[in-house]
């Protein structure tokens, strides 16, 4: 059963005793799958093998490295921002802002 990225930190804290090397992490929890948006899950081992980091001092170090090497499938909507773009606002909207000041 795949876990979400946010659950991996707890897994690392419970299952590992840092400092630990990458091969030990892969041996102990590398077969656990991380859930993706696209449905094709990656294992922790597959993700960490992309990294050149050999030694992890803390569970947080493992988690940070894993997050840095996730595929794009783990990202939600790319290039999405819920902030409005002022360039797309009508010209009179700028005038209204000035008047209200």
C-alpha atoms as a PDB file:
ATOM      1  CA  UNK A   1       0.000   0.000   0.000  1.00  0.00           C
ATOM      2  CA  UNK A   2       1.419   3.365  -1.053  1.00  0.00           C
ATOM      3  CA  UNK A   3       1.896   6.192   1.402  1.00  0.00           C
ATOM      4  CA  UNK A   4       1.797   9.929   0.788  1.00  0.00           C
ATOM      5  CA  UNK A   5       4.927  12.061   0.885  1.00  0.00           C
ATOM      6  CA  UNK A   6       3.785  13.602   4.159  1.00  0.00           C
ATOM      7  CA  UNK A   7       3.668  10.169   5.825  1.00  0.00           C
ATOM      8  CA  UNK A   8       7.239   9.293   4.853  1.00  0.00           C
ATOM      9  CA  UNK A   9       8.769  11.467   7.588  1.00  0.00           C
ATOM     10  CA  UNK A  10       6.982   9.447  10.273  1.00  0.00           C
ATOM     11  CA  UNK A  11       8.009   6.191   8.578  1.00  0.00           C
ATOM     12  CA  UNK A  12      11.662   7.265   8.633  1.00  0.00           C
ATOM     13  CA  UNK A  13      11.429   8.228  12.312  1.00  0.00           C
ATOM     14  CA  UNK A  14       9.811   4.917  13.289  1.00  0.00           C
ATOM     15  CA  UNK A  15      11.769   2.484  11.113  1.00  0.00           C
ATOM     16  CA  UNK A  16      15.269   3.953  10.991  1.00  0.00           C
ATOM     17  CA  UNK A  17      17.903   4.944  13.534  1.00  0.00           C
ATOM     18  CA  UNK A  18      19.968   7.772  12.012  1.00  0.00           C
ATOM     19  CA  UNK A  19      22.701   8.444  11.284  1.00  0.00           C
ATOM     20  CA  UNK A  20      22.229   5.922   8.501  1.00  0.00           C
ATOM     21  CA  UNK A  21      23.604   5.424   5.007  1.00  0.00           C
ATOM     22  CA  UNK A  22      21.514   5.408   1.859  1.00  0.00           C
ATOM     23  CA  UNK A  23      21.898   1.655   1.292  1.00  0.00           C
ATOM     24  CA  UNK A  24      20.530   0.917   4.769  1.00  0.00           C
ATOM     25  CA  UNK A  25      17.527   3.169   4.142  1.00  0.00           C
ATOM     26  CA  UNK A  26      16.889   1.371   0.855  1.00  0.00           C
ATOM     27  CA  UNK A  27      17.262  -2.057   2.503  1.00  0.00           C
ATOM     28  CA  UNK A  28      14.892  -1.226   5.371  1.00  0.00           C
ATOM     29  CA  UNK A  29      12.178   0.919   3.745  1.00  0.00           C
ATOM     30  CA  UNK A  30      13.133   1.145   0.074  1.00  0.00           C
ATOM     31  CA  UNK A  31      10.283  -1.078  -1.090  1.00  0.00           C
ATOM     32  CA  UNK A  32       7.611   1.276   0.322  1.00  0.00           C
ATOM     33  CA  UNK A  33       5.756   3.117  -2.427  1.00  0.00           C
ATOM     34  CA  UNK A  34       5.088   6.844  -2.465  1.00  0.00           C
ATOM     35  CA  UNK A  35       1.724   7.748  -3.982  1.00  0.00           C
ATOM     36  CA  UNK A  36       1.653   9.898  -7.123  1.00  0.00           C
ATOM     37  CA  UNK A  37      -1.023  11.996  -8.769  1.00  0.00           C
ATOM     38  CA  UNK A  38      -0.586  10.034 -12.015  1.00  0.00           C
ATOM     39  CA  UNK A  39      -1.105   6.627 -10.426  1.00  0.00           C
ATOM     40  CA  UNK A  40       2.351   5.162 -11.136  1.00  0.00           C
ATOM     41  CA  UNK A  41       3.926   5.067  -7.689  1.00  0.00           C
ATOM     42  CA  UNK A  42       7.678   5.229  -7.057  1.00  0.00           C
ATOM     43  CA  UNK A  43       9.398   3.338  -4.265  1.00  0.00           C
ATOM     44  CA  UNK A  44      11.493   5.158  -1.703  1.00  0.00           C
ATOM     45  CA  UNK A  45      14.448   3.166  -3.016  1.00  0.00           C
ATOM     46  CA  UNK A  46      13.900   4.351  -6.594  1.00  0.00           C
ATOM     47  CA  UNK A  47      13.667   7.940  -5.417  1.00  0.00           C
ATOM     48  CA  UNK A  48      16.756   7.852  -3.175  1.00  0.00           C
ATOM     49  CA  UNK A  49      18.853   6.130  -5.852  1.00  0.00           C
ATOM     50  CA  UNK A  50      18.554   9.363  -7.897  1.00  0.00           C
ATOM     51  CA  UNK A  51      20.386  11.193  -5.120  1.00  0.00           C
ATOM     52  CA  UNK A  52      24.130  11.355  -4.611  1.00  0.00           C
ATOM     53  CA  UNK A  53      23.678  11.667  -0.833  1.00  0.00           C
ATOM     54  CA  UNK A  54      25.359   8.723   0.871  1.00  0.00           C
ATOM     55  CA  UNK A  55      24.752   9.479   4.570  1.00  0.00           C
ATOM     56  CA  UNK A  56      21.754  10.896   6.428  1.00  0.00           C
ATOM     57  CA  UNK A  57      22.168  12.402   9.897  1.00  0.00           C
ATOM     58  CA  UNK A  58      18.440  12.643  10.703  1.00  0.00           C
ATOM     59  CA  UNK A  59      15.061  11.372   9.530  1.00  0.00           C
ATOM     60  CA  UNK A  60      14.425  14.918   8.316  1.00  0.00           C
ATOM     61  CA  UNK A  61      17.516  14.698   6.075  1.00  0.00           C
ATOM     62  CA  UNK A  62      16.130  11.530   4.492  1.00  0.00           C
ATOM     63  CA  UNK A  63      12.728  13.116   3.962  1.00  0.00           C
ATOM     64  CA  UNK A  64      14.187  16.320   2.494  1.00  0.00           C
ATOM     65  CA  UNK A  65      16.346  14.347   0.078  1.00  0.00           C
ATOM     66  CA  UNK A  66      13.376  12.204  -0.946  1.00  0.00           C
ATOM     67  CA  UNK A  67      11.243  15.307  -1.563  1.00  0.00           C
ATOM     68  CA  UNK A  68      13.996  16.876  -3.676  1.00  0.00           C
ATOM     69  CA  UNK A  69      14.167  13.837  -5.953  1.00  0.00           C
ATOM     70  CA  UNK A  70      10.476  13.153  -6.531  1.00  0.00           C
ATOM     71  CA  UNK A  71       9.362  12.943 -10.166  1.00  0.00           C
ATOM     72  CA  UNK A  72       6.995  15.495 -11.661  1.00  0.00           C
ATOM     73  CA  UNK A  73       4.172  12.934 -11.188  1.00  0.00           C
ATOM     74  CA  UNK A  74       4.267  13.773  -7.484  1.00  0.00           C
ATOM     75  CA  UNK A  75       3.563  17.433  -8.155  1.00  0.00           C
ATOM     76  CA  UNK A  76      -0.027  18.566  -8.437  1.00  0.00           C
ATOM     77  CA  UNK A  77      -0.833  21.099 -11.109  1.00  0.00           C
ATOM     78  CA  UNK A  78       2.398  22.488 -12.531  1.00  0.00           C
ATOM     79  CA  UNK A  79       2.797  26.245 -12.993  1.00  0.00           C
ATOM     80  CA  UNK A  80      -0.398  26.844 -11.031  1.00  0.00           C
ATOM     81  CA  UNK A  81      -0.905  29.857  -8.854  1.00  0.00           C
ATOM     82  CA  UNK A  82      -4.067  30.858  -7.081  1.00  0.00           C
ATOM     83  CA  UNK A  83      -2.895  34.460  -7.055  1.00  0.00           C
ATOM     84  CA  UNK A  84      -4.408  36.778  -9.585  1.00  0.00           C
ATOM     85  CA  UNK A  85      -2.227  38.250 -12.264  1.00  0.00           C
ATOM     86  CA  UNK A  86      -2.464  42.033 -12.230  1.00  0.00           C
ATOM     87  CA  UNK A  87      -1.643  42.108 -15.937  1.00  0.00           C
ATOM     88  CA  UNK A  88      -4.933  40.359 -16.663  1.00  0.00           C
ATOM     89  CA  UNK A  89      -6.992  42.882 -14.712  1.00  0.00           C
ATOM     90  CA  UNK A  90      -9.081  45.408 -16.647  1.00  0.00           C
ATOM     91  CA  UNK A  91      -7.547  48.882 -16.927  1.00  0.00           C
ATOM     92  CA  UNK A  92     -10.326  50.468 -14.894  1.00  0.00           C
ATOM     93  CA  UNK A  93      -9.493  48.179 -11.943  1.00  0.00           C
ATOM     94  CA  UNK A  94      -6.226  50.081 -11.497  1.00  0.00           C
ATOM     95  CA  UNK A  95      -8.155  53.369 -11.497  1.00  0.00           C
ATOM     96  CA  UNK A  96     -10.521  52.056  -8.833  1.00  0.00           C
ATOM     97  CA  UNK A  97      -7.602  51.112  -6.586  1.00  0.00           C
ATOM     98  CA  UNK A  98      -6.154  54.613  -6.886  1.00  0.00           C
ATOM     99  CA  UNK A  99      -9.504  56.234  -6.125  1.00  0.00           C
ATOM    100  CA  UNK A 100     -10.035  54.179  -2.990  1.00  0.00           C
ATOM    101  CA  UNK A 101      -6.716  55.303  -1.516  1.00  0.00           C
END
